[in-house]
Amino acid sequence: MEQILEKEIERILIDLGAKDLKVQVSTSAYLDKGDYSTNVAMAHSKELGKNPMDLAEEIKKELENQDRIKAKELSQILKIEVVKPGYINFFFGKEYFGDAVKENKFEGKLFKGQEFFVEHTQPNPFKAFHIGHLMNNTIGESVARIIKKNGGEVQTATYHGDKGLHVAKAVWSLQKGVDLKDAYANGHKAFEEDPKAKEEITLINKKIYDESDIEINEIYEKGRGLSLSYFEEMYKRLDSEFNFHFFESESGEVGKELVLDNIPKIFEEGDEGAVIFRGENFEPKTHTRVFLNKDKLPTYEAKELGLAEIKKDFYSYDTSITITANEQDSFFKVVEVAIGEVFPDLKGKLHHLSHGLLKLPTGKMSSRDGNVISAEDLINQIKEKVLEKMKEGEVGADDKDRIAEMISLGAIKYTILRQAIGGDIIFDFDKSISFEGDSGPYLQYSVVRANSILNKALDIKISGDVPEGWETTNVERLLERFGGVVEKAGREYAPHHIVTYLTDLASEFNSFYASHKIIDDTDSNSSYRLAVTKAFSNIMAEGLGLLGIKVPEKM
């Protein structure tokens, strides 16, 4: 509807002599102030030399012209209202919202014909799958689903740092009998504090790269395999799948060759034999970074360059989105410039989406110090709390564990996605599993409640025809907005818009449930109320699916 109104208003403004069109129609923030609103009169009043209120009235008059309202969509406008200082508000009739109840499926076209690469999660073998990876996976999976819902073709990838100094630190520890889960932290501590250990780890790193030591190779391959198998278990638990798995062991060699091939045009020899990229020579707001160290081993920067070539060889994309913590912002600012110089056809196609940190009340974690909170531990802790709450419920013993898992993951994913990507999140255990208010379980329970009503009404015919005398509710108004919210979330790569929408919708439905007897054989409106309930259930399930949240059959 926004687009239909915008096109009509654009035609009116062109007729009035406007050149620089700035037309935006959006849903009203307050449901009682109209269904859609625009500030176009204020945006164009100076250009057209008119008072904003007068221009708004002129646009209103044109929109009410009989020739214009012949279109089905515009004919359903109930009222157009002009309010100070020049807003135009649109109110629609009950038949318009009845259509939203009948047709509650959305198939977006925003990205139709476009191809996307979405890379996320990126756990490194020999290190923990921690809550940072959990946050990254939740965001990445949701962004990929939202792009698909908007018509885009999406290939997903995860990228593993399976070679590098962190691996050498872990292998050094494994040689000494340290358990895999503690190996990296133990090796890092030794590297920092013991010069002899540092020398040994540096040598191991070189041997891993050139595969020259049979014993080290065996330790490396075994640890790598165990790590990757565990990661697959976590992906399955999180309901996340990847089309591609990329590895630094592959990208490093590719990146090294690209760097060497582009000396001195793009890269140059630095101190002690290292090869550097002077980013400031290509983009003033960047800086210099090392791409090959003094031993000519590829750094993370060179590996990222190699990954860019591997990706484009696997899939010819229009946009590549890489999701990481914002601690890597400066890294990507430089590396994306370097990639653009080596591969000019990728300029403008790379998008780095960075997020904050997921913190527990105890503060920030560090894999180097060994105080890592694993994703598995966090999920299990929440699951224990959920199972405790479910003791008095109606869920049978055979279903409790499975449903508690759904609720726990719903609680975590909602907490991560509820705010705009970028800021840090402090995880509140009790609030996250509340069945009332601002939480994932609250949304899940709202759908379970609606489905329970529908199951009790299996023998009743559900009709989306709006009854005589029916007053449109806020549930119907919000149902109509779903497609616009999904488009906005896609345009901005911002799942939080969907979270906010679903929370508002659930709140309105629960008010609707409290004030209406939905199943009532004596009331002719009951059939339509059931249709509203069914549409609510469908949209909620679809929206939660875009967040990676499943709906249990009971709670």
Protein backbone atom coordinates (compact mmCIF):
# COMPACT_ATOMS: atom_id res chain seq x y z
CA MET A 1 0.00 0.00 0.00
CA GLU A 2 2.85 2.40 0.74
CA GLN A 3 4.10 2.06 -2.84
CA ILE A 4 0.63 2.62 -4.34
CA LEU A 5 0.13 5.81 -2.32
CA GLU A 6 3.64 7.01 -3.09
CA LYS A 7 3.12 6.65 -6.85
CA GLU A 8 -0.18 8.55 -6.72
CA ILE A 9 1.35 11.35 -4.66
CA GLU A 10 4.35 11.53 -7.00
CA ARG A 11 1.99 12.07 -9.96
CA ILE A 12 0.23 14.87 -8.08
CA LEU A 13 3.51 16.57 -7.16
CA ILE A 14 4.80 16.36 -10.73
CA ASP A 15 1.57 18.02 -11.93
CA LEU A 16 2.18 20.77 -9.35
CA GLY A 17 5.70 21.35 -10.72
CA ALA A 18 7.87 19.43 -8.24
CA LYS A 19 11.23 18.22 -9.58
CA ASP A 20 13.18 16.76 -6.69
CA LEU A 21 10.67 14.15 -5.49
CA LYS A 22 10.92 13.09 -1.85
CA VAL A 23 7.84 10.94 -1.32
CA GLN A 24 7.70 8.49 1.55
CA VAL A 25 4.56 6.89 2.98
CA SER A 26 4.95 4.80 6.11
CA THR A 27 2.76 3.02 8.60
CA SER A 28 1.54 5.25 11.40
CA ALA A 29 3.32 4.84 14.71
CA TYR A 30 0.00 5.19 16.54
CA LEU A 31 -2.80 2.94 15.33
CA ASP A 32 -5.49 5.46 16.31
CA LYS A 33 -3.84 8.23 14.24
CA GLY A 34 -4.32 6.53 10.90
CA ASP A 35 -3.08 3.46 9.11
CA TYR A 36 -0.52 5.24 6.90
CA SER A 37 1.02 8.67 7.04
CA THR A 38 3.30 10.95 5.01
CA ASN A 39 5.16 14.24 5.60
CA VAL A 40 5.47 14.88 1.87
CA ALA A 41 3.77 18.28 2.10
CA MET A 42 6.45 19.52 4.49
CA ALA A 43 9.22 18.05 2.34
CA HIS A 44 8.01 19.88 -0.81
CA SER A 45 6.46 23.07 0.56
CA LYS A 46 9.60 25.20 0.08
CA GLU A 47 10.22 23.93 -3.47
CA LEU A 48 6.62 24.67 -4.49
CA GLY A 49 6.38 27.93 -2.50
CA LYS A 50 3.36 26.77 -0.53
CA ASN A 51 2.40 26.56 3.12
CA PRO A 52 2.73 22.90 4.25
CA MET A 53 -0.87 22.73 5.48
CA ASP A 54 -2.18 24.23 2.23
CA LEU A 55 -0.10 21.83 0.14
CA ALA A 56 -1.29 18.89 2.24
CA GLU A 57 -4.91 19.92 1.68
CA GLU A 58 -4.26 20.23 -2.06
CA ILE A 59 -2.77 16.72 -2.20
CA LYS A 60 -5.69 15.41 -0.17
CA LYS A 61 -8.20 16.96 -2.57
CA GLU A 62 -6.47 15.38 -5.56
CA LEU A 63 -6.34 11.96 -3.89
CA GLU A 64 -10.07 12.19 -3.24
CA ASN A 65 -10.73 12.94 -6.92
CA GLN A 66 -13.10 10.30 -8.28
CA ASP A 67 -10.84 9.48 -11.23
CA ARG A 68 -8.03 8.56 -8.85
CA ILE A 69 -10.01 6.42 -6.42
CA LYS A 70 -11.23 4.04 -9.08
CA ALA A 71 -8.27 1.83 -8.26
CA LYS A 72 -9.40 -0.91 -5.88
CA GLU A 73 -6.76 -0.09 -3.28
CA LEU A 74 -7.48 3.64 -3.16
CA SER A 75 -11.23 3.04 -3.18
CA GLN A 76 -10.83 1.37 0.20
CA ILE A 77 -9.51 4.56 1.81
CA LEU A 78 -12.10 5.44 4.42
CA LYS A 79 -10.76 8.88 5.26
CA ILE A 80 -7.83 11.20 4.53
CA GLU A 81 -6.93 13.63 7.29
CA VAL A 82 -4.54 16.60 7.32
CA VAL A 83 -2.99 17.49 10.68
CA LYS A 84 -0.46 20.09 11.78
CA PRO A 85 2.20 20.88 10.77
CA GLY A 86 1.36 19.21 7.44
CA TYR A 87 1.04 15.46 7.86
CA ILE A 88 -1.42 13.53 5.71
CA ASN A 89 -2.94 10.51 7.46
CA PHE A 90 -4.82 7.71 5.71
CA PHE A 91 -7.53 5.54 7.27
CA PHE A 92 -8.71 2.35 5.58
CA GLY A 93 -12.03 0.52 5.83
CA LYS A 94 -12.80 -2.87 7.32
CA GLU A 95 -12.96 -4.64 3.93
CA TYR A 96 -9.35 -3.66 3.26
CA PHE A 97 -8.25 -5.29 6.53
CA GLY A 98 -10.53 -8.23 5.84
CA ASP A 99 -8.40 -8.90 2.77
CA ALA A 100 -5.34 -9.03 5.03
CA VAL A 101 -7.08 -11.66 7.15
CA LYS A 102 -7.91 -13.78 4.07
CA GLU A 103 -4.53 -13.36 2.35
CA ASN A 104 -2.01 -13.66 5.16
CA LYS A 105 0.94 -15.02 3.20
CA PHE A 106 3.76 -12.77 2.06
CA GLU A 107 6.10 -13.45 -0.85
CA GLY A 108 8.46 -10.52 -1.21
CA LYS A 109 10.00 -9.16 -4.39
CA LEU A 110 12.46 -6.66 -2.94
CA PHE A 111 15.48 -8.81 -3.89
CA LYS A 112 13.94 -10.75 -6.77
CA GLY A 113 16.64 -11.69 -9.29
CA GLN A 114 19.48 -10.82 -6.87
CA GLU A 115 22.03 -13.30 -5.54
CA PHE A 116 23.53 -13.09 -2.05
CA PHE A 117 26.38 -14.74 -0.20
CA VAL A 118 25.87 -14.66 3.58
CA GLU A 119 28.83 -15.74 5.72
CA HIS A 120 28.38 -16.13 9.46
CA THR A 121 29.23 -18.06 12.67
CA GLN A 122 32.89 -18.85 11.75
CA PRO A 123 33.98 -21.03 14.72
CA ASN A 124 37.66 -21.96 14.70
CA PRO A 125 38.80 -25.56 15.21
CA PHE A 126 40.70 -26.12 18.47
CA LYS A 127 38.69 -23.31 20.12
CA ALA A 128 35.30 -23.27 21.81
CA PHE A 129 31.96 -22.71 20.08
CA HIS A 130 31.17 -19.89 22.47
CA ILE A 131 28.31 -17.48 23.04
CA GLY A 132 29.83 -15.06 20.53
CA HIS A 133 29.40 -17.70 17.82
CA LEU A 134 25.86 -18.27 19.08
CA MET A 135 25.10 -14.57 18.66
CA ASN A 136 26.68 -14.47 15.22
CA ASN A 137 24.82 -17.60 14.09
CA THR A 138 21.47 -16.24 15.28
CA ILE A 139 21.94 -12.96 13.41
CA GLY A 140 23.37 -14.55 10.27
CA GLU A 141 20.69 -17.22 10.00
CA SER A 142 17.91 -14.65 10.45
CA VAL A 143 19.39 -12.21 7.91
CA ALA A 144 19.69 -15.04 5.36
CA ARG A 145 16.06 -16.09 5.93
CA ILE A 146 14.80 -12.52 5.63
CA ILE A 147 16.66 -12.01 2.34
CA LYS A 148 15.13 -15.25 0.99
CA LYS A 149 11.67 -14.13 2.11
CA ASN A 150 12.19 -10.96 0.11
CA GLY A 151 12.84 -12.96 -3.06
CA GLY A 152 16.63 -13.12 -3.00
CA GLU A 153 18.70 -16.18 -3.89
CA VAL A 154 20.94 -16.95 -0.91
CA GLN A 155 24.00 -19.14 -0.43
CA THR A 156 25.29 -19.39 3.13
CA ALA A 157 28.83 -20.11 4.23
CA THR A 158 30.85 -20.46 7.38
CA TYR A 159 34.60 -19.88 7.50
CA HIS A 160 36.98 -21.77 9.77
CA GLY A 161 40.41 -20.68 10.93
CA ASP A 162 41.97 -24.11 10.76
CA LYS A 163 45.53 -22.87 10.36
CA GLY A 164 47.35 -20.12 12.18
CA LEU A 165 49.10 -19.32 15.43
CA HIS A 166 46.00 -20.16 17.51
CA VAL A 167 46.08 -23.70 16.09
CA ALA A 168 49.78 -24.06 16.81
CA LYS A 169 49.18 -23.02 20.43
CA ALA A 170 46.52 -25.72 20.79
CA VAL A 171 48.61 -28.43 19.08
CA TRP A 172 51.55 -27.60 21.39
CA SER A 173 49.26 -28.20 24.38
CA LEU A 174 47.82 -31.40 22.92
CA GLN A 175 51.36 -32.75 22.55
CA LYS A 176 51.68 -32.36 26.31
CA GLY A 177 48.43 -34.21 27.07
CA VAL A 178 46.16 -31.20 27.66
CA ASP A 179 42.48 -31.80 26.90
CA LEU A 180 41.20 -30.31 23.61
CA LYS A 181 38.75 -27.93 25.31
CA ASP A 182 41.60 -26.37 27.35
CA ALA A 183 44.36 -26.65 24.74
CA TYR A 184 44.18 -23.18 23.19
CA ALA A 185 43.97 -21.24 26.46
CA ASN A 186 46.86 -23.26 27.90
CA GLY A 187 49.00 -22.75 24.78
CA HIS A 188 48.27 -19.04 24.62
CA LYS A 189 49.33 -18.56 28.25
CA ALA A 190 52.58 -20.44 27.61
CA PHE A 191 53.24 -18.43 24.44
CA GLU A 192 52.89 -15.17 26.34
CA GLU A 193 54.86 -16.15 29.44
CA ASP A 194 57.50 -18.73 28.39
CA PRO A 195 60.08 -17.77 25.71
CA LYS A 196 60.96 -21.44 25.11
CA ALA A 197 57.30 -22.35 24.59
CA LYS A 198 56.92 -19.37 22.26
CA GLU A 199 59.81 -20.63 20.14
CA GLU A 200 58.35 -24.17 20.04
CA ILE A 201 54.87 -22.92 19.10
CA THR A 202 56.27 -20.72 16.33
CA LEU A 203 58.06 -23.75 14.88
CA ILE A 204 54.89 -25.87 15.13
CA ASN A 205 52.98 -23.16 13.27
CA LYS A 206 55.45 -23.38 10.39
CA LYS A 207 55.31 -27.18 10.37
CA ILE A 208 51.51 -27.14 10.22
CA TYR A 209 51.66 -24.88 7.18
CA ASP A 210 54.23 -26.94 5.29
CA GLU A 211 52.92 -30.34 6.62
CA SER A 212 56.48 -31.47 7.33
CA ASP A 213 56.03 -33.32 10.64
CA ILE A 214 54.05 -36.60 10.74
CA GLU A 215 53.35 -36.49 14.50
CA ILE A 216 52.16 -32.89 14.40
CA ASN A 217 50.07 -33.63 11.30
CA GLU A 218 48.32 -36.49 13.13
CA ILE A 219 47.56 -34.36 16.19
CA TYR A 220 46.38 -31.53 13.97
CA GLU A 221 44.09 -33.67 11.81
CA LYS A 222 42.53 -35.44 14.79
CA GLY A 223 41.85 -32.20 16.67
CA ARG A 224 40.51 -30.51 13.54
CA GLY A 225 38.16 -33.41 12.83
CA LEU A 226 36.79 -33.53 16.38
CA SER A 227 36.18 -29.77 16.34
CA LEU A 228 34.35 -29.79 13.02
CA SER A 229 32.16 -32.73 14.06
CA TYR A 230 31.17 -30.87 17.21
CA PHE A 231 30.38 -27.72 15.22
CA GLU A 232 28.03 -29.75 13.01
CA GLU A 233 26.17 -30.91 16.13
CA MET A 234 25.77 -27.29 17.22
CA TYR A 235 24.51 -26.18 13.77
CA LYS A 236 21.88 -28.92 13.89
CA ARG A 237 20.84 -27.90 17.39
CA LEU A 238 20.51 -24.27 16.28
CA ASP A 239 18.56 -25.26 13.13
CA SER A 240 21.21 -23.75 10.90
CA GLU A 241 22.59 -25.11 7.63
CA PHE A 242 25.44 -23.98 5.37
CA ASN A 243 25.84 -24.41 1.65
CA PHE A 244 29.61 -24.01 1.90
CA HIS A 245 32.35 -24.52 4.49
CA PHE A 246 35.49 -22.53 3.75
CA PHE A 247 38.86 -22.94 5.50
CA GLU A 248 41.88 -20.75 6.10
CA SER A 249 44.05 -23.71 5.07
CA GLU A 250 42.60 -23.18 1.57
CA SER A 251 42.26 -19.42 1.49
CA GLY A 252 45.74 -18.80 2.89
CA GLU A 253 47.58 -20.23 -0.10
CA VAL A 254 45.24 -18.48 -2.54
CA GLY A 255 45.67 -15.18 -0.70
CA LYS A 256 49.46 -15.54 -0.56
CA GLU A 257 49.67 -15.96 -4.34
CA LEU A 258 47.37 -12.97 -4.91
CA VAL A 259 49.53 -10.79 -2.69
CA LEU A 260 52.78 -11.86 -4.35
CA ASP A 261 51.26 -11.38 -7.81
CA ASN A 262 50.25 -7.81 -6.98
CA ILE A 263 53.63 -6.49 -5.76
CA PRO A 264 54.36 -3.59 -6.18
CA LYS A 265 51.13 -2.41 -7.82
CA ILE A 266 48.95 -2.92 -4.72
CA PHE A 267 51.18 -4.47 -2.04
CA GLU A 268 54.78 -3.64 -1.09
CA GLU A 269 57.69 -5.06 0.85
CA GLY A 270 57.80 -3.72 4.38
CA ASP A 271 60.22 -4.07 7.28
CA GLU A 272 62.07 -7.37 7.72
CA GLY A 273 60.52 -8.94 4.63
CA ALA A 274 56.84 -8.60 5.56
CA VAL A 275 54.43 -7.63 2.75
CA ILE A 276 52.03 -4.80 3.56
CA PHE A 277 49.05 -2.98 2.11
CA ARG A 278 49.08 0.80 2.62
CA GLY A 279 45.35 1.29 2.78
CA GLU A 280 45.64 5.05 3.21
CA ASN A 281 47.09 5.30 -0.30
CA PHE A 282 43.82 3.95 -1.72
CA GLU A 283 41.25 5.11 0.84
CA PRO A 284 42.21 8.01 3.17
CA LYS A 285 40.17 6.74 6.14
CA THR A 286 42.01 3.41 6.31
CA HIS A 287 45.49 2.39 7.43
CA THR A 288 48.40 0.02 6.76
CA ARG A 289 48.11 -3.70 7.52
CA VAL A 290 50.43 -6.71 7.08
CA PHE A 291 49.29 -9.35 4.57
CA LEU A 292 52.34 -11.65 4.66
CA ASN A 293 54.59 -11.89 7.70
CA LYS A 294 58.38 -11.93 7.56
CA ASP A 295 58.31 -15.70 6.91
CA LYS A 296 55.97 -15.04 3.98
CA LEU A 297 53.11 -16.80 5.80
CA PRO A 298 49.67 -15.33 5.10
CA THR A 299 48.06 -13.25 7.84
CA TYR A 300 44.29 -13.08 8.44
CA GLU A 301 44.23 -10.23 5.91
CA ALA A 302 45.73 -12.32 3.12
CA LYS A 303 43.42 -15.22 3.98
CA GLU A 304 40.40 -12.92 3.67
CA LEU A 305 41.68 -11.83 0.25
CA GLY A 306 42.01 -15.48 -0.78
CA LEU A 307 38.51 -16.19 0.55
CA ALA A 308 37.12 -13.42 -1.69
CA GLU A 309 38.46 -15.21 -4.78
CA ILE A 310 37.21 -18.61 -3.59
CA LYS A 311 33.73 -17.21 -2.94
CA LYS A 312 33.38 -15.56 -6.32
CA ASP A 313 34.58 -18.73 -8.04
CA PHE A 314 31.94 -20.78 -6.24
CA TYR A 315 29.02 -18.38 -6.65
CA SER A 316 28.55 -15.31 -8.81
CA TYR A 317 26.87 -12.99 -6.30
CA ASP A 318 25.50 -9.46 -6.37
CA THR A 319 26.10 -8.90 -2.66
CA SER A 320 28.37 -10.67 -0.17
CA ILE A 321 27.50 -10.11 3.49
CA THR A 322 30.01 -11.06 6.15
CA ILE A 323 28.79 -11.00 9.75
CA THR A 324 31.31 -10.61 12.57
CA ALA A 325 31.66 -8.91 15.95
CA ASN A 326 32.39 -5.18 15.73
CA GLU A 327 35.86 -5.83 17.13
CA GLN A 328 36.81 -6.59 13.52
CA ASP A 329 35.49 -3.34 12.02
CA SER A 330 38.92 -1.80 11.39
CA PHE A 331 40.16 -5.08 9.88
CA PHE A 332 37.34 -5.19 7.33
CA LYS A 333 37.63 -1.51 6.45
CA VAL A 334 41.14 -2.11 5.15
CA VAL A 335 40.69 -5.61 3.75
CA GLU A 336 37.61 -4.66 1.71
CA VAL A 337 39.61 -1.84 0.10
CA ALA A 338 42.42 -4.29 -0.74
CA ILE A 339 39.94 -6.80 -2.18
CA GLY A 340 38.41 -4.05 -4.31
CA GLU A 341 41.83 -3.18 -5.73
CA VAL A 342 42.70 -6.80 -6.56
CA PHE A 343 39.18 -7.54 -7.85
CA PRO A 344 37.64 -4.30 -9.20
CA ASP A 345 34.43 -6.17 -10.11
CA LEU A 346 33.78 -6.74 -6.37
CA LYS A 347 33.79 -3.04 -5.47
CA GLY A 348 30.43 -2.14 -3.98
CA LYS A 349 29.40 -5.78 -3.59
CA LEU A 350 30.95 -6.41 -0.17
CA HIS A 351 28.98 -5.63 2.96
CA HIS A 352 30.35 -6.09 6.49
CA LEU A 353 27.57 -6.40 9.07
CA SER A 354 29.00 -6.09 12.57
CA HIS A 355 27.36 -6.78 15.90
CA GLY A 356 28.20 -6.16 19.53
CA LEU A 357 29.07 -8.71 22.20
CA LEU A 358 26.78 -11.06 24.10
CA LYS A 359 27.68 -10.70 27.76
CA LEU A 360 26.56 -12.42 30.90
CA PRO A 361 26.26 -10.45 34.15
CA THR A 362 29.78 -11.67 35.02
CA GLY A 363 31.22 -9.58 32.18
CA LYS A 364 33.17 -10.11 28.97
CA MET A 365 34.73 -13.48 28.21
CA SER A 366 38.07 -14.25 26.62
CA SER A 367 39.15 -17.51 24.98
CA ARG A 368 42.75 -16.48 25.62
CA ASP A 369 42.20 -16.42 29.37
CA GLY A 370 40.21 -19.63 29.32
CA ASN A 371 37.06 -18.12 30.84
CA VAL A 372 34.94 -18.94 27.82
CA ILE A 373 31.19 -19.49 28.15
CA SER A 374 30.30 -22.09 25.57
CA ALA A 375 27.07 -21.86 23.60
CA GLU A 376 26.18 -25.32 24.81
CA ASP A 377 26.56 -24.33 28.45
CA LEU A 378 24.35 -21.25 28.02
CA ILE A 379 21.62 -23.22 26.24
CA ASN A 380 21.69 -25.95 28.87
CA GLN A 381 21.56 -23.48 31.76
CA ILE A 382 18.47 -21.83 30.30
CA LYS A 383 16.96 -25.21 29.52
CA GLU A 384 17.27 -26.20 33.18
CA LYS A 385 15.37 -23.08 34.21
CA VAL A 386 12.68 -23.74 31.59
CA LEU A 387 12.25 -27.35 32.73
CA GLU A 388 11.84 -26.09 36.28
CA LYS A 389 9.04 -23.77 35.14
CA MET A 390 7.41 -26.60 33.19
CA LYS A 391 7.11 -28.91 36.23
CA GLU A 392 3.52 -27.92 36.91
CA GLY A 393 2.51 -27.69 33.24
CA GLU A 394 0.51 -30.02 31.03
CA VAL A 395 3.41 -31.14 28.82
CA GLY A 396 4.02 -34.86 29.09
CA ALA A 397 7.33 -36.28 30.24
CA ASP A 398 8.16 -37.59 26.75
CA ASP A 399 7.81 -34.12 25.21
CA LYS A 400 9.31 -31.97 27.95
CA ASP A 401 12.94 -32.08 26.88
CA ARG A 402 12.19 -31.36 23.21
CA ILE A 403 9.80 -28.50 23.99
CA ALA A 404 12.13 -27.06 26.64
CA GLU A 405 14.84 -26.99 23.96
CA MET A 406 12.56 -25.00 21.61
CA ILE A 407 11.65 -22.56 24.36
CA SER A 408 15.28 -22.13 25.45
CA LEU A 409 16.50 -21.42 21.92
CA GLY A 410 13.54 -19.10 21.39
CA ALA A 411 14.50 -17.18 24.52
CA ILE A 412 18.13 -16.79 23.39
CA LYS A 413 17.38 -15.86 19.79
CA TYR A 414 14.74 -13.32 20.79
CA THR A 415 17.14 -11.67 23.24
CA ILE A 416 19.83 -11.41 20.56
CA LEU A 417 17.54 -10.15 17.80
CA ARG A 418 15.27 -7.80 19.75
CA GLN A 419 17.59 -4.80 19.44
CA ALA A 420 19.32 -3.22 16.46
CA ILE A 421 22.49 -5.05 15.41
CA GLY A 422 25.58 -3.29 16.72
CA GLY A 423 25.20 -2.82 20.45
CA ASP A 424 26.31 -5.15 23.24
CA ILE A 425 23.71 -7.33 24.96
CA ILE A 426 23.71 -8.32 28.63
CA PHE A 427 21.77 -11.56 28.88
CA ASP A 428 19.07 -11.55 31.58
CA PHE A 429 18.25 -15.19 32.40
CA ASP A 430 14.93 -14.61 34.16
CA LYS A 431 13.58 -12.04 31.72
CA SER A 432 14.55 -14.16 28.72
CA ILE A 433 12.33 -17.07 29.80
CA SER A 434 9.36 -15.06 31.04
CA PHE A 435 6.03 -16.18 29.59
CA GLU A 436 4.72 -12.63 29.92
CA GLY A 437 5.83 -9.58 27.98
CA ASP A 438 9.02 -8.94 26.08
CA SER A 439 10.44 -12.44 25.45
CA GLY A 440 10.64 -15.31 23.00
CA PRO A 441 8.57 -17.68 25.15
CA TYR A 442 5.83 -15.04 25.33
CA LEU A 443 5.58 -15.00 21.54
CA GLN A 444 5.66 -18.80 21.35
CA TYR A 445 2.95 -19.08 24.00
CA SER A 446 0.75 -16.58 22.15
CA VAL A 447 0.82 -18.81 19.06
CA VAL A 448 0.24 -21.96 21.13
CA ARG A 449 -2.81 -20.27 22.69
CA ALA A 450 -4.19 -19.29 19.25
CA ASN A 451 -3.61 -22.80 17.91
CA SER A 452 -5.37 -24.28 20.93
CA ILE A 453 -8.45 -22.18 20.11
CA LEU A 454 -8.33 -23.28 16.47
CA ASN A 455 -8.05 -26.94 17.49
CA LYS A 456 -11.19 -26.59 19.60
CA ALA A 457 -13.02 -25.17 16.58
CA LEU A 458 -12.16 -27.81 13.99
CA ASP A 459 -15.86 -28.43 13.25
CA ILE A 460 -16.67 -24.73 12.80
CA LYS A 461 -16.49 -23.13 9.36
CA ILE A 462 -13.97 -20.28 9.39
CA SER A 463 -14.87 -17.35 7.14
CA GLY A 464 -12.78 -14.29 6.32
CA ASP A 465 -15.84 -12.36 5.18
CA VAL A 466 -16.18 -9.27 7.35
CA PRO A 467 -19.53 -9.30 9.17
CA GLU A 468 -21.98 -6.39 9.09
CA GLY A 469 -21.35 -4.00 11.94
CA TRP A 470 -17.84 -5.32 12.63
CA GLU A 471 -15.37 -2.80 14.02
CA THR A 472 -11.82 -3.29 12.77
CA THR A 473 -9.41 -4.27 15.58
CA ASN A 474 -5.73 -3.47 15.97
CA VAL A 475 -4.95 -7.14 15.32
CA GLU A 476 -6.22 -6.80 11.75
CA ARG A 477 -4.39 -3.50 11.27
CA LEU A 478 -1.12 -5.09 12.35
CA LEU A 479 -1.65 -8.23 10.26
CA GLU A 480 -1.84 -6.00 7.18
CA ARG A 481 1.59 -4.54 7.97
CA PHE A 482 3.55 -7.81 7.96
CA GLY A 483 4.82 -7.57 4.38
CA GLY A 484 6.03 -4.00 4.86
CA VAL A 485 7.89 -4.97 8.03
CA VAL A 486 9.63 -7.89 6.30
CA GLU A 487 10.66 -5.60 3.43
CA LYS A 488 12.05 -3.03 5.86
CA ALA A 489 13.96 -5.74 7.73
CA GLY A 490 15.39 -6.94 4.40
CA ARG A 491 16.32 -3.49 3.14
CA GLU A 492 18.22 -2.73 6.37
CA TYR A 493 19.42 -6.28 7.18
CA ALA A 494 17.69 -5.70 10.51
CA PRO A 495 15.77 -8.58 12.16
CA HIS A 496 14.82 -6.38 15.13
CA HIS A 497 12.03 -4.80 13.06
CA ILE A 498 10.36 -8.21 12.89
CA VAL A 499 10.86 -8.80 16.62
CA THR A 500 9.22 -5.48 17.49
CA TYR A 501 6.34 -6.15 15.10
CA LEU A 502 5.66 -9.67 16.43
CA THR A 503 5.76 -8.46 20.03
CA ASP A 504 3.21 -5.73 19.25
CA LEU A 505 1.04 -8.18 17.32
CA ALA A 506 1.08 -10.75 20.14
CA SER A 507 0.16 -8.06 22.67
CA GLU A 508 -2.80 -6.93 20.55
CA PHE A 509 -3.98 -10.50 20.00
CA ASN A 510 -3.86 -11.26 23.70
CA SER A 511 -5.98 -8.15 24.32
CA PHE A 512 -8.33 -9.34 21.54
CA TYR A 513 -8.53 -12.75 23.21
CA ALA A 514 -9.31 -11.18 26.59
CA SER A 515 -12.10 -8.96 25.24
CA HIS A 516 -13.76 -11.30 22.70
CA LYS A 517 -15.29 -14.73 23.09
CA ILE A 518 -13.77 -16.21 19.97
CA ILE A 519 -15.77 -19.45 19.84
CA ASP A 520 -19.45 -18.67 20.33
CA ASP A 521 -22.20 -20.65 18.56
CA THR A 522 -24.71 -17.90 19.27
CA ASP A 523 -22.65 -15.09 17.71
CA SER A 524 -22.50 -14.65 13.92
CA ASN A 525 -19.15 -12.86 14.30
CA SER A 526 -17.48 -15.97 15.75
CA SER A 527 -16.51 -17.34 12.34
CA TYR A 528 -14.66 -14.13 11.45
CA ARG A 529 -12.97 -13.98 14.86
CA LEU A 530 -11.65 -17.47 14.17
CA ALA A 531 -10.38 -16.25 10.80
CA VAL A 532 -8.51 -13.44 12.57
CA THR A 533 -7.08 -15.99 15.02
CA LYS A 534 -5.94 -18.25 12.18
CA ALA A 535 -4.32 -15.34 10.32
CA PHE A 536 -2.58 -14.31 13.55
CA SER A 537 -1.23 -17.84 14.04
CA ASN A 538 0.03 -18.03 10.44
CA ILE A 539 1.78 -14.64 10.49
CA MET A 540 3.33 -15.24 13.91
CA ALA A 541 4.69 -18.65 12.87
CA GLU A 542 6.03 -17.18 9.63
CA GLY A 543 7.63 -14.22 11.42
CA LEU A 544 9.16 -16.38 14.14
CA GLY A 545 10.53 -18.66 11.43
CA LEU A 546 12.39 -15.67 9.98
CA LEU A 547 14.03 -15.29 13.40
CA GLY A 548 14.91 -18.99 13.53
CA ILE A 549 12.43 -19.59 16.36
CA LYS A 550 10.22 -22.69 16.31
CA VAL A 551 6.71 -22.86 17.78
CA PRO A 552 5.98 -25.81 20.11
CA GLU A 553 2.65 -27.58 19.74
CA LYS A 554 2.03 -27.00 23.45
CA MET A 555 3.65 -25.25 26.40
